[in-house]
Each structure stands twice: as structure tokens, then as C-alpha cells.
Amino acid sequence: MDIKNNFSSIEQITGQYLRNNTNVPINKTSGGMTFEEVLSLKKSTSDYNHSCNAAMISLKFSKHADARLNERNINLTDEQLKRLNDGAKKASGKGINESLMIMDDLAFIVNIKNSTVVTAIDSKASEENIFTNIDGAVIV
């Protein structure tokens, strides 16, 4: 049985497509960049944005942290606030999201992404010395 169809073979279509599009390099994106160039650009842009974010951190204190500071009579000096901010910058640079920051006889849980001190603990209040839901620690 001889069946004739009007379909072209894969080889014919491929050859036709490649002959008609010889001015478009196959390994280039529509923007004229190779995948490797796009990936490299994305990585360097990501690194740049990450380092810029780390340089611009200015910590704020949540209501909970303010309440803990007040009830525990913790008064931070300007120098201590600067150390906390510097620690948050370092944590951000390392990709930490929730950090335990230890400074003098105080401990702070800091949400790095939101630049917010979540809670403050003095040495008397940290009887168990167990800190959960953190992914890094910084000693400042």
C-alpha cells in the first residue's frame, strides 16, 4: 500500500530552518549574549546588590525588643548600636537571615532581611542559653 502524504521529514525541516536562519547564532540569546555571559552577568549583579544591601543596614527595634530592653533595664550606648549595625552588615554579607548577636553580656535575635532586632536578652534572662530559629550567629 503506497500512501503519499504532504508532510516533510524532520531532516528536511531542520535543514530548511537552519538555511533560513544562518544569521542567528544558535548559542546566543535574543540579546546576543551566550548563556555563560548571561549567567555571569546575573551572578555579578546579584553579588553587587547583596553587598549594597549589606552596606545600607540600619537596625530598628520591634515593639517586643523595645519592651524587653525596658523591662530588663538595658540601655544601649551609641557605640553598642554601631557594633550591632556592623554585626548585621557582616551577617547580611554571609547570607544569614535570622542571626543571634552576642555583645558584651547581651544577646539579640536580629532579622537581617528586615533589619529588625526581634528580641533582646541579658545574661540573667538567658538561663537555658538555647536560641532557636536562627541560621547564624555573630559575636560583636
N, C-alpha and C. Protein backbone atom coordinates (compact mmCIF):
# COMPACT_ATOMS: atom_id res chain seq x y z
N MET A 1 0.84 -1.15 0.00
CA MET A 1 0.00 0.00 0.00
C MET A 1 0.90 1.23 0.00
N ASP A 2 0.69 2.08 -0.97
CA ASP A 2 1.52 3.27 -1.13
C ASP A 2 0.71 4.50 -0.69
N ILE A 3 1.08 5.04 0.46
CA ILE A 3 0.37 6.22 0.98
C ILE A 3 1.29 7.42 0.80
N LYS A 4 0.77 8.42 0.15
CA LYS A 4 1.53 9.65 -0.02
C LYS A 4 0.96 10.69 0.93
N ASN A 5 1.86 11.41 1.58
CA ASN A 5 1.39 12.49 2.46
C ASN A 5 2.12 13.77 2.12
N ASN A 6 1.68 14.83 2.64
CA ASN A 6 2.25 16.13 2.34
C ASN A 6 3.17 16.61 3.47
N PHE A 7 3.63 15.71 4.31
CA PHE A 7 4.47 16.09 5.41
C PHE A 7 5.93 15.99 5.03
N SER A 8 6.71 16.93 5.51
CA SER A 8 8.15 16.89 5.28
C SER A 8 8.82 16.07 6.37
N SER A 9 10.00 15.55 6.07
CA SER A 9 10.73 14.81 7.08
C SER A 9 11.40 15.77 8.05
N ILE A 10 11.80 15.26 9.18
CA ILE A 10 12.48 16.07 10.18
C ILE A 10 13.76 16.65 9.59
N GLU A 11 14.48 15.85 8.83
CA GLU A 11 15.72 16.33 8.23
C GLU A 11 15.47 17.49 7.27
N GLN A 12 14.38 17.41 6.49
CA GLN A 12 14.06 18.49 5.56
C GLN A 12 13.72 19.78 6.30
N ILE A 13 12.92 19.67 7.32
CA ILE A 13 12.53 20.85 8.11
C ILE A 13 13.74 21.45 8.80
N THR A 14 14.57 20.60 9.42
CA THR A 14 15.76 21.09 10.12
C THR A 14 16.68 21.80 9.15
N GLY A 15 16.93 21.18 8.00
CA GLY A 15 17.79 21.81 7.01
C GLY A 15 17.22 23.12 6.52
N GLN A 16 15.93 23.15 6.27
CA GLN A 16 15.27 24.37 5.81
C GLN A 16 15.36 25.46 6.88
N TYR A 17 15.11 25.10 8.10
CA TYR A 17 15.16 26.08 9.20
C TYR A 17 16.56 26.64 9.36
N LEU A 18 17.56 25.77 9.36
CA LEU A 18 18.93 26.22 9.55
C LEU A 18 19.41 27.07 8.39
N ARG A 19 19.01 26.75 7.14
CA ARG A 19 19.41 27.55 5.98
C ARG A 19 18.79 28.94 6.04
N ASN A 20 17.56 29.04 6.51
CA ASN A 20 16.87 30.33 6.54
C ASN A 20 17.30 31.21 7.71
N ASN A 21 17.93 30.65 8.72
CA ASN A 21 18.28 31.42 9.91
C ASN A 21 19.79 31.38 10.18
N THR A 22 20.59 31.43 9.15
CA THR A 22 22.03 31.34 9.34
C THR A 22 22.60 32.58 10.01
N ASN A 23 21.89 33.68 10.02
CA ASN A 23 22.41 34.90 10.65
C ASN A 23 22.17 34.94 12.15
N VAL A 24 21.45 33.98 12.70
CA VAL A 24 21.19 33.93 14.13
C VAL A 24 22.03 32.81 14.74
N PRO A 25 23.04 33.14 15.55
CA PRO A 25 23.84 32.08 16.17
C PRO A 25 22.98 31.28 17.14
N ILE A 26 23.08 29.98 17.07
CA ILE A 26 22.25 29.10 17.89
C ILE A 26 22.60 29.24 19.37
N ASN A 27 23.86 29.48 19.69
CA ASN A 27 24.25 29.52 21.09
C ASN A 27 24.12 30.91 21.71
N LYS A 28 23.45 31.83 21.05
CA LYS A 28 23.27 33.18 21.58
C LYS A 28 21.82 33.40 21.96
N THR A 29 21.59 34.26 22.96
CA THR A 29 20.22 34.62 23.32
C THR A 29 19.74 35.69 22.36
N SER A 30 18.49 36.09 22.48
CA SER A 30 17.96 37.13 21.60
C SER A 30 18.69 38.45 21.81
N GLY A 31 19.31 38.62 22.98
CA GLY A 31 20.08 39.83 23.24
C GLY A 31 21.51 39.74 22.75
N GLY A 32 21.86 38.61 22.11
CA GLY A 32 23.20 38.46 21.56
C GLY A 32 24.24 37.97 22.55
N MET A 33 23.81 37.49 23.71
CA MET A 33 24.74 37.00 24.73
C MET A 33 24.64 35.49 24.83
N THR A 34 25.76 34.86 25.13
CA THR A 34 25.73 33.42 25.38
C THR A 34 25.14 33.16 26.75
N PHE A 35 24.73 31.93 26.98
CA PHE A 35 24.19 31.55 28.29
C PHE A 35 25.23 31.84 29.38
N GLU A 36 26.49 31.53 29.11
CA GLU A 36 27.55 31.75 30.09
C GLU A 36 27.68 33.24 30.43
N GLU A 37 27.56 34.12 29.43
CA GLU A 37 27.63 35.56 29.66
C GLU A 37 26.44 36.05 30.49
N VAL A 38 25.24 35.54 30.19
CA VAL A 38 24.05 35.91 30.95
C VAL A 38 24.18 35.46 32.40
N LEU A 39 24.64 34.21 32.59
CA LEU A 39 24.81 33.68 33.94
C LEU A 39 25.84 34.48 34.73
N SER A 40 26.94 34.83 34.09
CA SER A 40 27.99 35.61 34.74
C SER A 40 27.48 36.99 35.13
N LEU A 41 26.74 37.63 34.21
CA LEU A 41 26.17 38.95 34.49
C LEU A 41 25.18 38.88 35.65
N LYS A 42 24.33 37.87 35.66
CA LYS A 42 23.35 37.70 36.73
C LYS A 42 24.04 37.52 38.08
N LYS A 43 25.11 36.71 38.10
CA LYS A 43 25.83 36.46 39.35
C LYS A 43 26.50 37.74 39.84
N SER A 44 27.14 38.49 38.95
CA SER A 44 27.83 39.70 39.39
C SER A 44 26.82 40.76 39.84
N THR A 45 25.66 40.83 39.19
CA THR A 45 24.61 41.77 39.61
C THR A 45 24.07 41.37 40.97
N SER A 46 23.87 40.08 41.19
CA SER A 46 23.39 39.58 42.48
C SER A 46 24.40 39.89 43.58
N ASP A 47 25.69 39.64 43.31
CA ASP A 47 26.73 39.94 44.30
C ASP A 47 26.76 41.42 44.62
N TYR A 48 26.60 42.28 43.58
CA TYR A 48 26.62 43.72 43.78
C TYR A 48 25.44 44.15 44.65
N ASN A 49 24.24 43.66 44.31
CA ASN A 49 23.05 44.01 45.09
C ASN A 49 23.18 43.53 46.53
N HIS A 50 23.72 42.33 46.72
CA HIS A 50 23.88 41.79 48.06
C HIS A 50 24.84 42.65 48.88
N SER A 51 25.96 43.07 48.27
CA SER A 51 26.91 43.88 49.01
C SER A 51 26.36 45.28 49.27
N CYS A 52 25.56 45.81 48.32
CA CYS A 52 24.94 47.13 48.55
C CYS A 52 23.97 47.05 49.71
N ASN A 53 23.15 45.99 49.75
CA ASN A 53 22.20 45.82 50.85
C ASN A 53 22.93 45.71 52.17
N ALA A 54 24.05 45.02 52.20
CA ALA A 54 24.81 44.84 53.43
C ALA A 54 25.36 46.18 53.91
N ALA A 55 25.72 47.07 53.00
CA ALA A 55 26.30 48.34 53.38
C ALA A 55 25.26 49.32 53.91
N MET A 56 23.96 49.09 53.61
CA MET A 56 22.93 50.07 53.95
C MET A 56 22.11 49.68 55.16
N ILE A 57 22.50 48.69 55.92
CA ILE A 57 21.70 48.25 57.06
C ILE A 57 21.70 49.30 58.17
N SER A 58 20.53 49.61 58.65
CA SER A 58 20.35 50.45 59.83
C SER A 58 19.26 49.78 60.65
N LEU A 59 19.63 49.22 61.78
CA LEU A 59 18.70 48.41 62.57
C LEU A 59 17.61 49.24 63.23
N LYS A 60 16.43 48.65 63.27
CA LYS A 60 15.33 49.20 64.06
C LYS A 60 14.94 48.13 65.07
N PHE A 61 14.20 48.51 66.09
CA PHE A 61 13.82 47.59 67.15
C PHE A 61 12.31 47.35 67.10
N SER A 62 11.92 46.09 67.14
CA SER A 62 10.50 45.75 67.17
C SER A 62 9.90 46.19 68.50
N LYS A 63 8.57 46.21 68.59
CA LYS A 63 7.90 46.56 69.85
C LYS A 63 8.30 45.57 70.94
N HIS A 64 8.39 44.31 70.56
CA HIS A 64 8.78 43.27 71.52
C HIS A 64 10.19 43.55 72.05
N ALA A 65 11.12 43.85 71.15
CA ALA A 65 12.50 44.13 71.57
C ALA A 65 12.56 45.37 72.46
N ASP A 66 11.81 46.41 72.10
CA ASP A 66 11.76 47.62 72.94
C ASP A 66 11.24 47.29 74.33
N ALA A 67 10.20 46.47 74.40
CA ALA A 67 9.64 46.09 75.69
C ALA A 67 10.67 45.32 76.52
N ARG A 68 11.39 44.39 75.88
CA ARG A 68 12.42 43.61 76.59
C ARG A 68 13.55 44.51 77.08
N LEU A 69 13.96 45.47 76.27
CA LEU A 69 15.01 46.41 76.70
C LEU A 69 14.55 47.20 77.92
N ASN A 70 13.31 47.67 77.89
CA ASN A 70 12.77 48.46 79.00
C ASN A 70 12.62 47.63 80.28
N GLU A 71 12.00 46.46 80.18
CA GLU A 71 11.75 45.66 81.38
C GLU A 71 13.03 45.10 81.98
N ARG A 72 14.06 44.97 81.18
CA ARG A 72 15.34 44.45 81.68
C ARG A 72 16.36 45.57 81.94
N ASN A 73 15.89 46.80 81.83
CA ASN A 73 16.74 47.98 82.08
C ASN A 73 18.04 47.94 81.26
N ILE A 74 17.89 47.63 79.99
CA ILE A 74 19.04 47.60 79.09
C ILE A 74 19.05 48.91 78.31
N ASN A 75 20.10 49.67 78.51
CA ASN A 75 20.28 50.92 77.78
C ASN A 75 21.52 50.80 76.91
N LEU A 76 21.30 50.82 75.60
CA LEU A 76 22.42 50.66 74.67
C LEU A 76 23.09 52.00 74.40
N THR A 77 24.40 51.97 74.37
CA THR A 77 25.17 53.18 74.04
C THR A 77 25.25 53.31 72.52
N ASP A 78 25.67 54.47 72.07
CA ASP A 78 25.86 54.68 70.63
C ASP A 78 26.89 53.70 70.08
N GLU A 79 27.92 53.44 70.87
CA GLU A 79 28.97 52.51 70.44
C GLU A 79 28.41 51.09 70.30
N GLN A 80 27.54 50.69 71.21
CA GLN A 80 26.92 49.36 71.12
C GLN A 80 25.98 49.27 69.92
N LEU A 81 25.22 50.33 69.65
CA LEU A 81 24.34 50.35 68.48
C LEU A 81 25.15 50.24 67.20
N LYS A 82 26.29 50.92 67.16
CA LYS A 82 27.17 50.83 65.99
C LYS A 82 27.69 49.41 65.83
N ARG A 83 28.07 48.76 66.92
CA ARG A 83 28.54 47.38 66.85
C ARG A 83 27.45 46.44 66.36
N LEU A 84 26.21 46.66 66.83
CA LEU A 84 25.08 45.84 66.35
C LEU A 84 24.87 46.01 64.85
N ASN A 85 24.89 47.26 64.39
CA ASN A 85 24.74 47.53 62.96
C ASN A 85 25.86 46.89 62.15
N ASP A 86 27.09 47.00 62.65
CA ASP A 86 28.23 46.38 61.96
C ASP A 86 28.07 44.86 61.91
N GLY A 87 27.59 44.28 63.00
CA GLY A 87 27.35 42.84 63.03
C GLY A 87 26.28 42.43 62.04
N ALA A 88 25.23 43.25 61.91
CA ALA A 88 24.16 42.96 60.95
C ALA A 88 24.69 43.03 59.52
N LYS A 89 25.58 43.97 59.26
CA LYS A 89 26.20 44.06 57.93
C LYS A 89 27.00 42.81 57.63
N LYS A 90 27.76 42.35 58.60
CA LYS A 90 28.56 41.13 58.41
C LYS A 90 27.64 39.93 58.18
N ALA A 91 26.57 39.83 58.96
CA ALA A 91 25.63 38.72 58.82
C ALA A 91 24.99 38.74 57.44
N SER A 92 24.60 39.92 56.98
CA SER A 92 24.00 40.05 55.65
C SER A 92 24.98 39.63 54.57
N GLY A 93 26.24 40.01 54.74
CA GLY A 93 27.27 39.65 53.78
C GLY A 93 27.49 38.15 53.69
N LYS A 94 27.18 37.43 54.75
CA LYS A 94 27.32 35.97 54.77
C LYS A 94 26.03 35.25 54.41
N GLY A 95 24.96 36.01 54.13
CA GLY A 95 23.70 35.39 53.73
C GLY A 95 22.85 34.91 54.89
N ILE A 96 23.12 35.38 56.09
CA ILE A 96 22.33 34.99 57.26
C ILE A 96 21.00 35.74 57.24
N ASN A 97 19.92 35.04 57.57
CA ASN A 97 18.59 35.66 57.63
C ASN A 97 18.17 36.01 59.04
N GLU A 98 18.32 35.08 59.97
CA GLU A 98 17.97 35.28 61.38
C GLU A 98 19.23 35.03 62.19
N SER A 99 19.74 36.07 62.83
CA SER A 99 21.03 35.97 63.50
C SER A 99 20.91 36.14 65.01
N LEU A 100 21.70 35.35 65.71
CA LEU A 100 21.92 35.59 67.12
C LEU A 100 23.15 36.49 67.19
N MET A 101 23.03 37.62 67.85
CA MET A 101 24.16 38.53 68.01
C MET A 101 24.50 38.61 69.49
N ILE A 102 25.74 38.31 69.79
CA ILE A 102 26.20 38.35 71.17
C ILE A 102 27.13 39.53 71.33
N MET A 103 26.81 40.38 72.30
CA MET A 103 27.61 41.58 72.54
C MET A 103 27.67 41.80 74.05
N ASP A 104 28.90 41.86 74.55
CA ASP A 104 29.12 42.04 75.98
C ASP A 104 28.36 40.94 76.73
N ASP A 105 27.47 41.31 77.66
CA ASP A 105 26.67 40.29 78.36
C ASP A 105 25.23 40.27 77.86
N LEU A 106 25.04 40.69 76.59
CA LEU A 106 23.72 40.77 75.97
C LEU A 106 23.65 39.86 74.75
N ALA A 107 22.44 39.42 74.44
CA ALA A 107 22.19 38.66 73.22
C ALA A 107 20.98 39.26 72.52
N PHE A 108 21.03 39.29 71.22
CA PHE A 108 19.95 39.84 70.41
C PHE A 108 19.62 38.85 69.30
N ILE A 109 18.34 38.72 69.01
CA ILE A 109 17.93 37.99 67.81
C ILE A 109 17.56 39.08 66.80
N VAL A 110 18.21 39.00 65.63
CA VAL A 110 18.04 40.04 64.62
C VAL A 110 17.57 39.41 63.31
N ASN A 111 16.47 39.93 62.78
CA ASN A 111 16.02 39.55 61.45
C ASN A 111 16.80 40.43 60.48
N ILE A 112 17.75 39.82 59.79
CA ILE A 112 18.66 40.57 58.93
C ILE A 112 17.93 41.14 57.72
N LYS A 113 17.05 40.35 57.11
CA LYS A 113 16.34 40.82 55.92
C LYS A 113 15.52 42.08 56.20
N ASN A 114 14.90 42.13 57.37
CA ASN A 114 14.07 43.29 57.73
C ASN A 114 14.83 44.32 58.55
N SER A 115 16.11 44.06 58.83
CA SER A 115 16.95 44.97 59.63
C SER A 115 16.27 45.30 60.96
N THR A 116 15.75 44.26 61.61
CA THR A 116 14.98 44.47 62.84
C THR A 116 15.49 43.60 63.97
N VAL A 117 15.75 44.23 65.12
CA VAL A 117 16.06 43.48 66.32
C VAL A 117 14.73 42.94 66.85
N VAL A 118 14.63 41.61 66.93
CA VAL A 118 13.38 40.97 67.31
C VAL A 118 13.25 40.88 68.82
N THR A 119 14.34 40.56 69.50
CA THR A 119 14.31 40.50 70.96
C THR A 119 15.70 40.76 71.51
N ALA A 120 15.74 41.13 72.78
CA ALA A 120 16.99 41.39 73.48
C ALA A 120 16.99 40.63 74.80
N ILE A 121 18.12 40.04 75.11
CA ILE A 121 18.22 39.20 76.30
C ILE A 121 19.49 39.58 77.04
N ASP A 122 19.40 39.73 78.36
CA ASP A 122 20.62 39.93 79.14
C ASP A 122 21.04 38.58 79.73
N SER A 123 22.19 38.55 80.36
CA SER A 123 22.72 37.28 80.86
C SER A 123 21.82 36.65 81.92
N LYS A 124 21.05 37.44 82.64
CA LYS A 124 20.15 36.91 83.67
C LYS A 124 18.92 36.24 83.06
N ALA A 125 18.47 36.76 81.93
CA ALA A 125 17.24 36.23 81.32
C ALA A 125 17.50 35.01 80.44
N SER A 126 18.73 34.73 80.12
CA SER A 126 19.03 33.61 79.22
C SER A 126 19.50 32.40 80.03
N GLU A 127 18.65 31.97 80.98
CA GLU A 127 19.01 30.87 81.87
C GLU A 127 19.31 29.58 81.12
N GLU A 128 18.49 29.25 80.12
CA GLU A 128 18.69 27.99 79.40
C GLU A 128 19.77 28.09 78.33
N ASN A 129 20.06 29.30 77.88
CA ASN A 129 21.05 29.52 76.82
C ASN A 129 20.72 28.72 75.57
N ILE A 130 19.44 28.63 75.21
CA ILE A 130 19.02 27.96 74.00
C ILE A 130 18.35 29.00 73.11
N PHE A 131 18.82 29.09 71.86
CA PHE A 131 18.27 30.04 70.90
C PHE A 131 17.83 29.25 69.68
N THR A 132 16.57 29.42 69.28
CA THR A 132 16.03 28.67 68.15
C THR A 132 15.70 29.60 67.00
N ASN A 133 15.44 29.00 65.86
CA ASN A 133 15.04 29.72 64.65
C ASN A 133 16.07 30.75 64.19
N ILE A 134 17.34 30.39 64.30
CA ILE A 134 18.41 31.24 63.78
C ILE A 134 19.19 30.41 62.75
N ASP A 135 19.83 31.11 61.83
CA ASP A 135 20.67 30.40 60.88
C ASP A 135 22.10 30.93 60.87
N GLY A 136 22.43 31.69 61.91
CA GLY A 136 23.80 32.17 62.05
C GLY A 136 23.96 32.95 63.33
N ALA A 137 25.20 33.11 63.74
CA ALA A 137 25.49 33.88 64.95
C ALA A 137 26.67 34.80 64.68
N VAL A 138 26.64 35.96 65.29
CA VAL A 138 27.72 36.94 65.15
C VAL A 138 28.08 37.44 66.54
N ILE A 139 29.36 37.43 66.84
CA ILE A 139 29.83 37.98 68.11
C ILE A 139 30.39 39.36 67.81
N VAL A 140 29.78 40.38 68.43
CA VAL A 140 30.20 41.77 68.16
C VAL A 140 30.76 42.42 69.40
